Amino acid sequence: MTILSLMACSGLMILIFELVRRRKILEKYSFLWFLTGVSLLVLTLKRNWLEQFSIWIGIFYPPSALFLVLIFFMILILIHYSMVLTKLLIQNQKLAQKIAILE
């Protein structure tokens, strides 16, 4: 489990870094992804922190807490992208209204 988690976290970090380098993702959108990868990497390497965290939240099996952290960050990323999409939708609507007025 530890080796698989390390490989997955490292792969995520390398993938995000490469996407930012190739300008496929802007830096401001990659921050939550890097934060997700670092937090999962830290909890994977510091096994006692993961065990303490799982006890603190009442989870019997510590690797399940790792998945809970992953789900938490994925929800944060989805909320962030929903906010960005809403902003773009509002801007698009205002632009369409301005074009309609000009025509």
C-alpha atoms as a PDB file:
ATOM      1  CA  MET A   1       0.000   0.000   0.000  1.00  0.00           C
ATOM      2  CA  THR A   2       2.791   2.453   0.887  1.00  0.00           C
ATOM      3  CA  ILE A   3       4.718   1.903  -2.353  1.00  0.00           C
ATOM      4  CA  LEU A   4       1.559   2.246  -4.424  1.00  0.00           C
ATOM      5  CA  SER A   5       0.609   5.450  -2.596  1.00  0.00           C
ATOM      6  CA  LEU A   6       4.104   6.891  -3.053  1.00  0.00           C
ATOM      7  CA  MET A   7       4.029   6.079  -6.756  1.00  0.00           C
ATOM      8  CA  ALA A   8       0.553   7.582  -7.175  1.00  0.00           C
ATOM      9  CA  CYS A   9       1.447  10.797  -5.303  1.00  0.00           C
ATOM     10  CA  SER A  10       4.712  11.179  -7.178  1.00  0.00           C
ATOM     11  CA  GLY A  11       2.985  10.499 -10.479  1.00  0.00           C
ATOM     12  CA  LEU A  12       0.340  13.114  -9.699  1.00  0.00           C
ATOM     13  CA  MET A  13       2.964  15.717  -8.824  1.00  0.00           C
ATOM     14  CA  ILE A  14       5.012  14.982 -11.957  1.00  0.00           C
ATOM     15  CA  LEU A  15       1.891  15.070 -14.156  1.00  0.00           C
ATOM     16  CA  ILE A  16       0.721  18.411 -12.756  1.00  0.00           C
ATOM     17  CA  PHE A  17       4.224  19.886 -13.029  1.00  0.00           C
ATOM     18  CA  GLU A  18       4.454  18.758 -16.644  1.00  0.00           C
ATOM     19  CA  LEU A  19       0.999  20.161 -17.482  1.00  0.00           C
ATOM     20  CA  VAL A  20       1.955  23.519 -15.961  1.00  0.00           C
ATOM     21  CA  ARG A  21       5.264  23.489 -17.821  1.00  0.00           C
ATOM     22  CA  ARG A  22       3.505  22.837 -21.137  1.00  0.00           C
ATOM     23  CA  ARG A  23       0.932  25.544 -20.333  1.00  0.00           C
ATOM     24  CA  LYS A  24      -1.977  23.088 -20.301  1.00  0.00           C
ATOM     25  CA  ILE A  25      -2.916  24.207 -16.756  1.00  0.00           C
ATOM     26  CA  LEU A  26      -2.378  27.682 -15.355  1.00  0.00           C
ATOM     27  CA  GLU A  27      -0.377  27.985 -12.161  1.00  0.00           C
ATOM     28  CA  LYS A  28      -3.332  29.338 -10.205  1.00  0.00           C
ATOM     29  CA  TYR A  29      -5.359  26.206 -10.988  1.00  0.00           C
ATOM     30  CA  SER A  30      -2.528  23.813 -10.224  1.00  0.00           C
ATOM     31  CA  PHE A  31      -2.130  24.967  -6.614  1.00  0.00           C
ATOM     32  CA  LEU A  32      -4.925  22.741  -5.258  1.00  0.00           C
ATOM     33  CA  TRP A  33      -3.544  19.772  -7.189  1.00  0.00           C
ATOM     34  CA  PHE A  34      -0.061  20.278  -5.741  1.00  0.00           C
ATOM     35  CA  LEU A  35      -1.557  20.707  -2.267  1.00  0.00           C
ATOM     36  CA  THR A  36      -3.434  17.431  -2.724  1.00  0.00           C
ATOM     37  CA  GLY A  37      -0.312  15.580  -3.833  1.00  0.00           C
ATOM     38  CA  VAL A  38       1.845  16.977  -1.029  1.00  0.00           C
ATOM     39  CA  SER A  39      -0.711  16.218   1.693  1.00  0.00           C
ATOM     40  CA  LEU A  40      -1.166  12.644   0.480  1.00  0.00           C
ATOM     41  CA  LEU A  41       2.600  12.221   0.182  1.00  0.00           C
ATOM     42  CA  VAL A  42       3.154  13.495   3.737  1.00  0.00           C
ATOM     43  CA  LEU A  43       0.454  11.230   5.166  1.00  0.00           C
ATOM     44  CA  THR A  44       1.902   8.287   3.271  1.00  0.00           C
ATOM     45  CA  LEU A  45       5.447   8.914   4.506  1.00  0.00           C
ATOM     46  CA  LYS A  46       4.471   9.838   8.082  1.00  0.00           C
ATOM     47  CA  ARG A  47       2.513   6.728   8.937  1.00  0.00           C
ATOM     48  CA  ASN A  48       2.105   7.748  12.603  1.00  0.00           C
ATOM     49  CA  TRP A  49       0.483  11.043  11.516  1.00  0.00           C
ATOM     50  CA  LEU A  50      -1.963   9.071   9.403  1.00  0.00           C
ATOM     51  CA  GLU A  51      -2.741   6.754  12.313  1.00  0.00           C
ATOM     52  CA  GLN A  52      -3.260   9.697  14.697  1.00  0.00           C
ATOM     53  CA  PHE A  53      -5.463  11.447  12.145  1.00  0.00           C
ATOM     54  CA  SER A  54      -7.572   8.321  11.633  1.00  0.00           C
ATOM     55  CA  ILE A  55      -7.991   7.887  15.400  1.00  0.00           C
ATOM     56  CA  TRP A  56      -8.909  11.562  15.736  1.00  0.00           C
ATOM     57  CA  ILE A  57     -11.690  11.296  13.129  1.00  0.00           C
ATOM     58  CA  GLY A  58     -12.808   7.844  14.261  1.00  0.00           C
ATOM     59  CA  ILE A  59     -11.660   5.647  11.387  1.00  0.00           C
ATOM     60  CA  PHE A  60     -10.436   2.180  12.320  1.00  0.00           C
ATOM     61  CA  TYR A  61      -8.342   1.468   9.205  1.00  0.00           C
ATOM     62  CA  PRO A  62      -5.763   4.259   8.627  1.00  0.00           C
ATOM     63  CA  PRO A  63      -5.479   3.894   4.799  1.00  0.00           C
ATOM     64  CA  SER A  64      -9.196   4.707   4.661  1.00  0.00           C
ATOM     65  CA  ALA A  65      -8.331   8.078   6.178  1.00  0.00           C
ATOM     66  CA  LEU A  66      -5.945   8.623   3.287  1.00  0.00           C
ATOM     67  CA  PHE A  67      -8.830   8.151   0.864  1.00  0.00           C
ATOM     68  CA  LEU A  68     -10.958  10.496   2.967  1.00  0.00           C
ATOM     69  CA  VAL A  69      -8.280  13.197   2.617  1.00  0.00           C
ATOM     70  CA  LEU A  70      -8.197  12.569  -1.135  1.00  0.00           C
ATOM     71  CA  ILE A  71     -11.981  12.899  -1.382  1.00  0.00           C
ATOM     72  CA  PHE A  72     -11.858  16.123   0.662  1.00  0.00           C
ATOM     73  CA  PHE A  73      -9.325  17.684  -1.717  1.00  0.00           C
ATOM     74  CA  MET A  74     -11.241  16.482  -4.762  1.00  0.00           C
ATOM     75  CA  ILE A  75     -14.357  18.210  -3.428  1.00  0.00           C
ATOM     76  CA  LEU A  76     -12.319  21.405  -2.909  1.00  0.00           C
ATOM     77  CA  ILE A  77     -11.051  21.192  -6.485  1.00  0.00           C
ATOM     78  CA  LEU A  78     -14.571  20.643  -7.821  1.00  0.00           C
ATOM     79  CA  ILE A  79     -15.902  23.631  -5.867  1.00  0.00           C
ATOM     80  CA  HIS A  80     -13.031  25.780  -7.143  1.00  0.00           C
ATOM     81  CA  TYR A  81     -13.697  24.802 -10.760  1.00  0.00           C
ATOM     82  CA  SER A  82     -17.432  25.381 -10.279  1.00  0.00           C
ATOM     83  CA  MET A  83     -16.661  28.918  -9.131  1.00  0.00           C
ATOM     84  CA  VAL A  84     -14.413  29.495 -12.155  1.00  0.00           C
ATOM     85  CA  LEU A  85     -17.058  28.136 -14.535  1.00  0.00           C
ATOM     86  CA  THR A  86     -19.750  30.301 -12.964  1.00  0.00           C
ATOM     87  CA  LYS A  87     -17.577  33.397 -13.365  1.00  0.00           C
ATOM     88  CA  LEU A  88     -16.916  32.539 -17.021  1.00  0.00           C
ATOM     89  CA  LEU A  89     -20.614  31.891 -17.648  1.00  0.00           C
ATOM     90  CA  ILE A  90     -21.558  35.288 -16.197  1.00  0.00           C
ATOM     91  CA  GLN A  91     -18.865  37.015 -18.272  1.00  0.00           C
ATOM     92  CA  ASN A  92     -20.054  35.207 -21.401  1.00  0.00           C
ATOM     93  CA  GLN A  93     -23.655  36.232 -20.735  1.00  0.00           C
ATOM     94  CA  LYS A  94     -22.689  39.894 -20.240  1.00  0.00           C
ATOM     95  CA  LEU A  95     -20.619  39.826 -23.414  1.00  0.00           C
ATOM     96  CA  ALA A  96     -23.507  38.333 -25.401  1.00  0.00           C
ATOM     97  CA  GLN A  97     -25.842  41.041 -24.053  1.00  0.00           C
ATOM     98  CA  LYS A  98     -23.389  43.807 -25.026  1.00  0.00           C
ATOM     99  CA  ILE A  99     -23.054  42.359 -28.542  1.00  0.00           C
ATOM    100  CA  ALA A 100     -26.848  42.143 -28.827  1.00  0.00           C
ATOM    101  CA  ILE A 101     -27.163  45.811 -27.833  1.00  0.00           C
ATOM    102  CA  LEU A 102     -24.573  46.825 -30.416  1.00  0.00           C
ATOM    103  CA  GLU A 103     -26.394  44.947 -33.189  1.00  0.00           C
END
